[in-house]
Amino acid sequence: MLLLTGNLQNKEPDMGYSKEIYRLAQQELDRRRNTARDTAEKHQAEIYSAIPRIREIQKELADSGLRAVQAAIYGGPNSPQALSSLRIKNQALQMERVKLLESARLPADFLEVHYTCPKCQDTGYIINRRCECLEKLLRRFAYRQVSESGGLGECRFENFLLSYYPDIPNQDGKIPRKIMAGILNSCQEYARNFLPNGESLLFRGHTGLGKTHLSLAIAYEAIEKGYGVYYASSQRLLDKLQAKQFQRQAKEDTDYQEMAENCDLLILDDLGAEYSTNFTVAALQNLINVRLTESRPTIVSTNLNTSMLTERYGERSVSRLLCSYRAFTFCGDDIRMIKRMEH
């Protein structure tokens, strides 16, 4: 089996996971590979001390292997016979080693390097194809990143309960439960058919209506499919961008600008809750424009109505949101308050 000899940093990501996610995956692969090799070296030292003959066998096998390579390269009239003789000798040495290990009540593969993933030997790649173990690592760290930011572990479509929404008309004559059932179905369809060049969504409505829950439910499904998702509240992301811009966090390794611009799906939660400055407004406008221009989907949620958004971000930015994003208006009562009263 041919294996990639480099590392992930030399490979171009083919999905929109951030560089930070790839860095964490690389660290974990390095840790696994080093642990496997260290354990093998420890076993080797132990067995050489207990059974010196095994050290001799290992050296003889290495010498025999070198001679076999030389015979194969340089050839000669006696090359086939030499290779056959070496093969027989190697088999005999290997059998002797197995018996010595058995006498010490050790498995025949005690001296081998036991990688977590034998397929790629913990490199993450088989030739130039991403190994399944790397795919799992990328998803794990993507889950962790989103979970740390927004509680991914608790938000699924399955536990989005329509029973919290009134099934009688509100003051506008609309039935919240019916409207929210339609929004839930649309979000499920969006997640089921998600593509990294798909449409963007705008979730509008008062606090506690399930905007974050459905955003994270979509994030979960997208991550399950192997797509890179970055979730952040607008306050947190814009704070990070501003700190980076003015170098208030010189030791910060994560490139939040790159993550937000290049991930397969960006979820920008609670737009309008951040402290507004000329920088934050400009940064938001730039982020929206970049992702729209490059056809990368974004989910934006906000508690602000159109006039409040326009006052804060300007008519041009709001126009892009309303015209380029598929908008959903959430309605009902504050579910957080309902749950608090239940407990």
Protein backbone atom coordinates (compact mmCIF):
# COMPACT_ATOMS: atom_id res chain seq x y z
CA MET A 1 0.00 0.00 0.00
CA LEU A 2 1.35 3.42 -0.96
CA LEU A 3 1.05 6.03 1.75
CA LEU A 4 1.39 9.79 1.74
CA THR A 5 4.66 10.72 3.40
CA GLY A 6 3.82 14.36 4.06
CA ASN A 7 1.22 15.82 6.39
CA LEU A 8 -2.11 17.59 6.16
CA GLN A 9 -0.53 21.00 5.99
CA ASN A 10 0.80 20.09 2.56
CA LYS A 11 -2.63 19.13 1.29
CA GLU A 12 -5.24 21.52 -0.03
CA PRO A 13 -8.58 21.03 1.76
CA ASP A 14 -11.29 19.97 -0.70
CA MET A 15 -14.13 21.00 1.59
CA GLY A 16 -14.59 24.15 3.56
CA TYR A 17 -13.20 23.11 6.92
CA SER A 18 -11.14 25.89 8.42
CA LYS A 19 -7.36 25.76 8.70
CA GLU A 20 -7.86 25.48 12.45
CA ILE A 21 -9.89 22.27 12.05
CA TYR A 22 -7.19 20.80 9.80
CA ARG A 23 -4.50 21.85 12.29
CA LEU A 24 -6.29 20.06 15.13
CA ALA A 25 -6.73 16.95 12.99
CA GLN A 26 -3.02 17.03 12.10
CA GLN A 27 -2.08 17.29 15.78
CA GLU A 28 -4.25 14.30 16.65
CA LEU A 29 -2.81 12.21 13.81
CA ASP A 30 0.73 13.14 14.88
CA ARG A 31 -0.09 12.17 18.46
CA ARG A 32 -1.50 8.80 17.40
CA ARG A 33 1.42 8.03 15.11
CA ASN A 34 4.05 9.02 17.69
CA THR A 35 2.28 7.05 20.43
CA ALA A 36 2.18 3.92 18.26
CA ARG A 37 5.87 4.20 17.39
CA ASP A 38 6.91 4.98 20.97
CA THR A 39 4.98 1.95 22.22
CA ALA A 40 6.66 -0.27 19.62
CA GLU A 41 10.10 1.03 20.65
CA LYS A 42 9.27 0.38 24.30
CA HIS A 43 8.19 -3.19 23.49
CA GLN A 44 11.39 -3.67 21.50
CA ALA A 45 13.59 -2.50 24.39
CA GLU A 46 11.73 -4.75 26.84
CA ILE A 47 11.93 -7.87 24.70
CA TYR A 48 15.59 -7.32 23.73
CA SER A 49 16.44 -7.17 27.41
CA ALA A 50 14.40 -10.25 28.29
CA ILE A 51 15.23 -12.35 25.21
CA PRO A 52 18.50 -11.17 23.56
CA ARG A 53 18.12 -13.74 20.78
CA ILE A 54 15.22 -11.69 19.35
CA ARG A 55 17.53 -8.72 18.85
CA GLU A 56 19.84 -11.01 16.85
CA ILE A 57 16.90 -12.27 14.79
CA GLN A 58 15.78 -8.71 14.03
CA LYS A 59 19.29 -7.82 12.85
CA GLU A 60 19.53 -10.94 10.72
CA LEU A 61 16.16 -10.18 9.12
CA ALA A 62 17.25 -6.61 8.35
CA ASP A 63 20.52 -7.82 6.81
CA SER A 64 18.66 -10.47 4.83
CA GLY A 65 16.22 -7.89 3.54
CA LEU A 66 19.07 -5.66 2.38
CA ARG A 67 20.70 -8.57 0.53
CA ALA A 68 17.37 -9.40 -1.12
CA VAL A 69 17.07 -5.83 -2.39
CA GLN A 70 20.62 -5.90 -3.73
CA ALA A 71 19.99 -9.23 -5.47
CA ALA A 72 16.82 -7.91 -7.06
CA ILE A 73 18.52 -4.72 -8.26
CA TYR A 74 21.80 -6.06 -9.50
CA GLY A 75 20.51 -9.45 -10.63
CA GLY A 76 22.97 -12.01 -11.96
CA PRO A 77 22.68 -15.65 -13.02
CA ASN A 78 22.30 -16.85 -9.41
CA SER A 79 19.80 -14.16 -8.41
CA PRO A 80 16.65 -16.38 -8.38
CA GLN A 81 18.39 -19.01 -6.27
CA ALA A 82 19.74 -16.35 -3.90
CA LEU A 83 16.31 -14.78 -3.44
CA SER A 84 14.75 -18.19 -2.82
CA SER A 85 17.41 -19.02 -0.24
CA LEU A 86 16.91 -15.69 1.52
CA ARG A 87 13.14 -16.20 1.56
CA ILE A 88 13.50 -19.59 3.21
CA LYS A 89 15.93 -18.19 5.77
CA ASN A 90 13.60 -15.28 6.56
CA GLN A 91 10.66 -17.61 7.11
CA ALA A 92 12.72 -19.70 9.49
CA LEU A 93 13.84 -16.62 11.44
CA GLN A 94 10.29 -15.33 11.66
CA MET A 95 9.02 -18.67 12.96
CA GLU A 96 11.79 -18.73 15.56
CA ARG A 97 10.79 -15.22 16.66
CA VAL A 98 7.13 -16.21 16.96
CA LYS A 99 8.03 -19.21 19.15
CA LEU A 100 10.23 -17.06 21.39
CA LEU A 101 7.44 -14.54 21.81
CA GLU A 102 4.94 -17.31 22.53
CA SER A 103 7.29 -18.69 25.19
CA ALA A 104 7.09 -15.27 26.85
CA ARG A 105 3.29 -15.34 26.46
CA LEU A 106 3.37 -12.44 24.02
CA PRO A 107 1.50 -12.10 20.70
CA ALA A 108 3.33 -12.67 17.43
CA ASP A 109 2.90 -9.00 16.46
CA PHE A 110 4.26 -7.66 19.76
CA LEU A 111 7.15 -5.87 18.03
CA GLU A 112 5.05 -4.30 15.26
CA VAL A 113 3.83 -0.70 15.23
CA HIS A 114 0.10 -0.75 15.97
CA TYR A 115 -1.39 2.34 14.36
CA THR A 116 -4.87 3.53 15.26
CA CYS A 117 -5.63 3.35 11.53
CA PRO A 118 -3.65 0.58 9.79
CA LYS A 119 -5.00 1.71 6.40
CA CYS A 120 -3.08 5.00 6.33
CA GLN A 121 -0.72 4.38 9.27
CA ASP A 122 -2.13 7.52 10.93
CA THR A 123 -1.05 9.87 8.13
CA GLY A 124 -4.62 10.76 7.15
CA TYR A 125 -4.13 9.95 3.48
CA ILE A 126 -3.80 6.90 1.25
CA ILE A 127 -1.85 8.10 -1.79
CA ASN A 128 -3.74 11.37 -2.43
CA ARG A 129 -7.12 10.27 -1.10
CA ARG A 130 -8.36 11.35 2.30
CA CYS A 131 -8.62 8.38 4.67
CA GLU A 132 -11.82 7.60 6.53
CA CYS A 133 -10.05 8.22 9.85
CA LEU A 134 -9.28 11.80 8.81
CA GLU A 135 -12.88 12.35 7.73
CA LYS A 136 -14.01 11.27 11.20
CA LEU A 137 -11.48 13.54 12.89
CA LEU A 138 -12.51 16.56 10.84
CA ARG A 139 -16.16 15.97 11.73
CA ARG A 140 -15.28 15.49 15.40
CA PHE A 141 -13.42 18.81 15.64
CA ALA A 142 -16.07 20.58 13.59
CA TYR A 143 -18.71 19.29 16.02
CA ARG A 144 -16.63 20.43 18.96
CA GLN A 145 -16.13 23.89 17.50
CA VAL A 146 -19.82 24.41 16.83
CA SER A 147 -20.83 22.79 20.13
CA GLU A 148 -18.55 25.07 22.14
CA SER A 149 -20.06 28.07 20.39
CA GLY A 150 -23.72 27.24 20.35
CA GLY A 151 -24.81 24.00 22.00
CA LEU A 152 -24.91 21.78 18.92
CA GLY A 153 -25.40 18.66 21.01
CA GLU A 154 -28.86 19.75 22.13
CA CYS A 155 -30.27 21.07 18.86
CA ARG A 156 -31.72 18.60 16.36
CA PHE A 157 -34.73 18.62 14.10
CA GLU A 158 -36.07 15.70 16.13
CA ASN A 159 -36.35 17.72 19.34
CA PHE A 160 -37.73 20.89 17.75
CA LEU A 161 -41.19 20.71 19.36
CA LEU A 162 -44.05 22.40 17.54
CA SER A 163 -46.22 21.92 20.63
CA TYR A 164 -44.58 25.03 22.12
CA TYR A 165 -46.19 27.18 19.43
CA PRO A 166 -49.84 28.30 19.77
CA ASP A 167 -52.29 26.57 17.45
CA ILE A 168 -54.75 29.46 17.53
CA PRO A 169 -54.56 32.66 15.44
CA ASN A 170 -52.45 35.50 16.82
CA GLN A 171 -53.30 39.18 16.59
CA ASP A 172 -52.31 39.16 12.92
CA GLY A 173 -54.65 36.29 12.21
CA LYS A 174 -51.77 33.83 11.69
CA ILE A 175 -51.46 30.45 13.38
CA PRO A 176 -47.89 30.21 14.79
CA ARG A 177 -47.80 26.42 14.89
CA LYS A 178 -48.77 26.16 11.23
CA ILE A 179 -46.21 28.77 10.21
CA MET A 180 -43.45 27.13 12.25
CA ALA A 181 -44.32 23.70 10.85
CA GLY A 182 -43.72 25.13 7.38
CA ILE A 183 -40.41 26.69 8.46
CA LEU A 184 -39.30 23.41 10.05
CA ASN A 185 -40.09 21.50 6.86
CA SER A 186 -38.18 24.06 4.77
CA CYS A 187 -35.14 23.82 7.04
CA GLN A 188 -35.18 20.02 6.94
CA GLU A 189 -35.32 20.12 3.15
CA TYR A 190 -32.50 22.68 3.08
CA ALA A 191 -30.32 20.46 5.27
CA ARG A 192 -31.19 17.32 3.33
CA ASN A 193 -30.21 18.92 0.01
CA PHE A 194 -27.42 21.13 1.34
CA LEU A 195 -24.74 22.18 -1.13
CA PRO A 196 -21.77 24.51 -0.53
CA ASN A 197 -23.03 26.77 -3.32
CA GLY A 198 -26.66 26.73 -2.16
CA GLU A 199 -28.88 29.59 -1.07
CA SER A 200 -28.51 31.66 2.09
CA LEU A 201 -31.18 31.95 4.77
CA LEU A 202 -32.36 34.83 6.96
CA PHE A 203 -34.18 33.93 10.19
CA ARG A 204 -36.16 36.81 11.67
CA GLY A 205 -38.28 37.07 14.79
CA HIS A 206 -38.30 37.87 18.48
CA THR A 207 -36.09 36.10 21.02
CA GLY A 208 -36.79 32.54 22.07
CA LEU A 209 -38.60 31.40 18.91
CA GLY A 210 -36.16 28.68 17.79
CA LYS A 211 -33.93 30.52 15.31
CA THR A 212 -30.71 29.28 16.90
CA HIS A 213 -32.12 25.77 17.35
CA LEU A 214 -32.93 25.35 13.66
CA SER A 215 -29.63 26.96 12.62
CA LEU A 216 -27.71 24.40 14.66
CA ALA A 217 -29.91 21.54 13.47
CA ILE A 218 -28.93 22.46 9.91
CA ALA A 219 -25.28 22.72 11.03
CA TYR A 220 -25.43 19.20 12.47
CA GLU A 221 -26.75 17.72 9.23
CA ALA A 222 -24.19 19.61 7.10
CA ILE A 223 -21.30 18.45 9.31
CA GLU A 224 -22.59 14.87 9.10
CA LYS A 225 -22.23 15.11 5.33
CA GLY A 226 -18.62 16.24 5.71
CA TYR A 227 -19.09 19.95 5.10
CA GLY A 228 -17.23 22.61 7.05
CA VAL A 229 -19.48 24.72 9.26
CA TYR A 230 -18.54 27.73 11.33
CA TYR A 231 -21.03 29.05 13.89
CA ALA A 232 -20.61 32.25 15.85
CA SER A 233 -22.73 34.97 17.40
CA SER A 234 -22.28 38.25 15.57
CA GLN A 235 -20.83 39.77 18.74
CA ARG A 236 -18.18 37.07 19.13
CA LEU A 237 -17.14 36.98 15.48
CA LEU A 238 -16.95 40.74 15.03
CA ASP A 239 -15.03 41.08 18.30
CA LYS A 240 -12.51 38.53 17.01
CA LEU A 241 -12.18 40.31 13.66
CA GLN A 242 -11.72 43.66 15.34
CA ALA A 243 -9.16 42.30 17.82
CA LYS A 244 -7.22 40.77 14.95
CA GLN A 245 -7.41 43.95 12.91
CA PHE A 246 -5.96 46.04 15.72
CA GLN A 247 -3.63 43.28 17.01
CA ARG A 248 -5.09 43.12 20.48
CA GLN A 249 -4.58 39.36 20.43
CA ALA A 250 -1.12 38.98 18.94
CA LYS A 251 -0.90 35.33 20.00
CA GLU A 252 -4.19 34.35 18.36
CA ASP A 253 -3.43 31.64 15.77
CA THR A 254 -6.94 31.20 14.43
CA ASP A 255 -7.73 33.18 11.29
CA TYR A 256 -11.38 33.99 11.93
CA GLN A 257 -11.61 36.04 8.75
CA GLU A 258 -10.54 33.03 6.70
CA MET A 259 -12.88 30.73 8.60
CA ALA A 260 -15.89 33.00 8.15
CA GLU A 261 -15.24 33.70 4.48
CA ASN A 262 -14.30 30.21 3.29
CA CYS A 263 -16.29 27.68 5.31
CA ASP A 264 -18.98 25.73 3.45
CA LEU A 265 -21.67 27.13 5.73
CA LEU A 266 -21.42 30.20 7.96
CA ILE A 267 -24.00 30.64 10.71
CA LEU A 268 -24.09 34.17 12.05
CA ASP A 269 -26.36 34.21 15.08
CA ASP A 270 -28.09 37.09 16.81
CA LEU A 271 -27.18 39.79 14.29
CA GLY A 272 -27.72 43.20 15.85
CA ALA A 273 -26.77 42.20 19.39
CA GLU A 274 -23.15 43.28 18.86
CA TYR A 275 -21.79 46.68 19.81
CA SER A 276 -22.00 48.70 16.61
CA THR A 277 -18.97 50.61 15.33
CA ASN A 278 -17.82 51.76 11.91
CA PHE A 279 -15.50 48.76 11.86
CA THR A 280 -18.15 46.15 12.72
CA VAL A 281 -20.58 47.52 10.14
CA ALA A 282 -17.90 47.53 7.44
CA ALA A 283 -16.68 44.04 8.43
CA LEU A 284 -20.22 42.67 8.26
CA GLN A 285 -20.86 44.27 4.87
CA ASN A 286 -17.62 42.82 3.53
CA LEU A 287 -18.37 39.34 4.88
CA ILE A 288 -21.85 39.27 3.36
CA ASN A 289 -20.56 40.54 0.03
CA VAL A 290 -17.65 38.07 -0.14
CA ARG A 291 -19.82 35.04 0.58
CA LEU A 292 -22.54 36.12 -1.84
CA THR A 293 -20.01 36.83 -4.58
CA GLU A 294 -18.42 33.41 -4.11
CA SER A 295 -21.81 31.65 -3.79
CA ARG A 296 -21.16 30.35 -0.29
CA PRO A 297 -24.30 29.94 1.84
CA THR A 298 -24.82 31.80 5.09
CA ILE A 299 -27.55 31.56 7.72
CA VAL A 300 -28.18 34.84 9.54
CA SER A 301 -30.56 35.13 12.48
CA THR A 302 -31.71 38.40 14.00
CA ASN A 303 -34.24 39.80 16.44
CA LEU A 304 -34.35 43.14 14.58
CA ASN A 305 -37.05 44.19 12.14
CA THR A 306 -36.32 45.77 8.77
CA SER A 307 -36.27 49.38 9.97
CA MET A 308 -33.96 48.54 12.88
CA LEU A 309 -31.60 46.62 10.59
CA THR A 310 -31.55 49.51 8.12
CA GLU A 311 -30.80 52.03 10.85
CA ARG A 312 -27.89 49.95 12.10
CA TYR A 313 -26.34 48.59 8.89
CA GLY A 314 -27.57 50.86 6.14
CA GLU A 315 -30.06 50.37 3.34
CA ARG A 316 -27.56 48.74 0.95
CA SER A 317 -26.56 45.93 3.32
CA VAL A 318 -30.12 45.24 4.38
CA SER A 319 -31.24 45.20 0.76
CA ARG A 320 -28.66 42.50 0.01
CA LEU A 321 -29.90 40.46 2.96
CA LEU A 322 -33.56 40.75 2.02
CA CYS A 323 -33.09 40.27 -1.71
CA SER A 324 -30.32 37.64 -1.78
CA TYR A 325 -31.33 35.56 1.24
CA ARG A 326 -34.41 33.39 1.61
CA ALA A 327 -36.20 34.94 4.57
CA PHE A 328 -38.27 33.20 7.25
CA THR A 329 -40.22 35.09 9.90
CA PHE A 330 -40.56 33.12 13.14
CA CYS A 331 -43.58 33.69 15.35
CA GLY A 332 -45.03 32.49 18.61
CA ASP A 333 -44.24 32.96 22.29
CA ASP A 334 -40.80 33.01 23.93
CA ILE A 335 -40.04 29.29 24.35
CA ARG A 336 -37.17 29.98 26.75
CA MET A 337 -39.61 31.66 29.13
CA ILE A 338 -42.13 28.85 28.73
CA LYS A 339 -39.49 26.22 29.56
CA ARG A 340 -38.31 28.27 32.54
CA MET A 341 -41.83 28.45 33.90
CA GLU A 342 -42.25 24.70 33.41
CA HIS A 343 -39.27 24.08 35.68
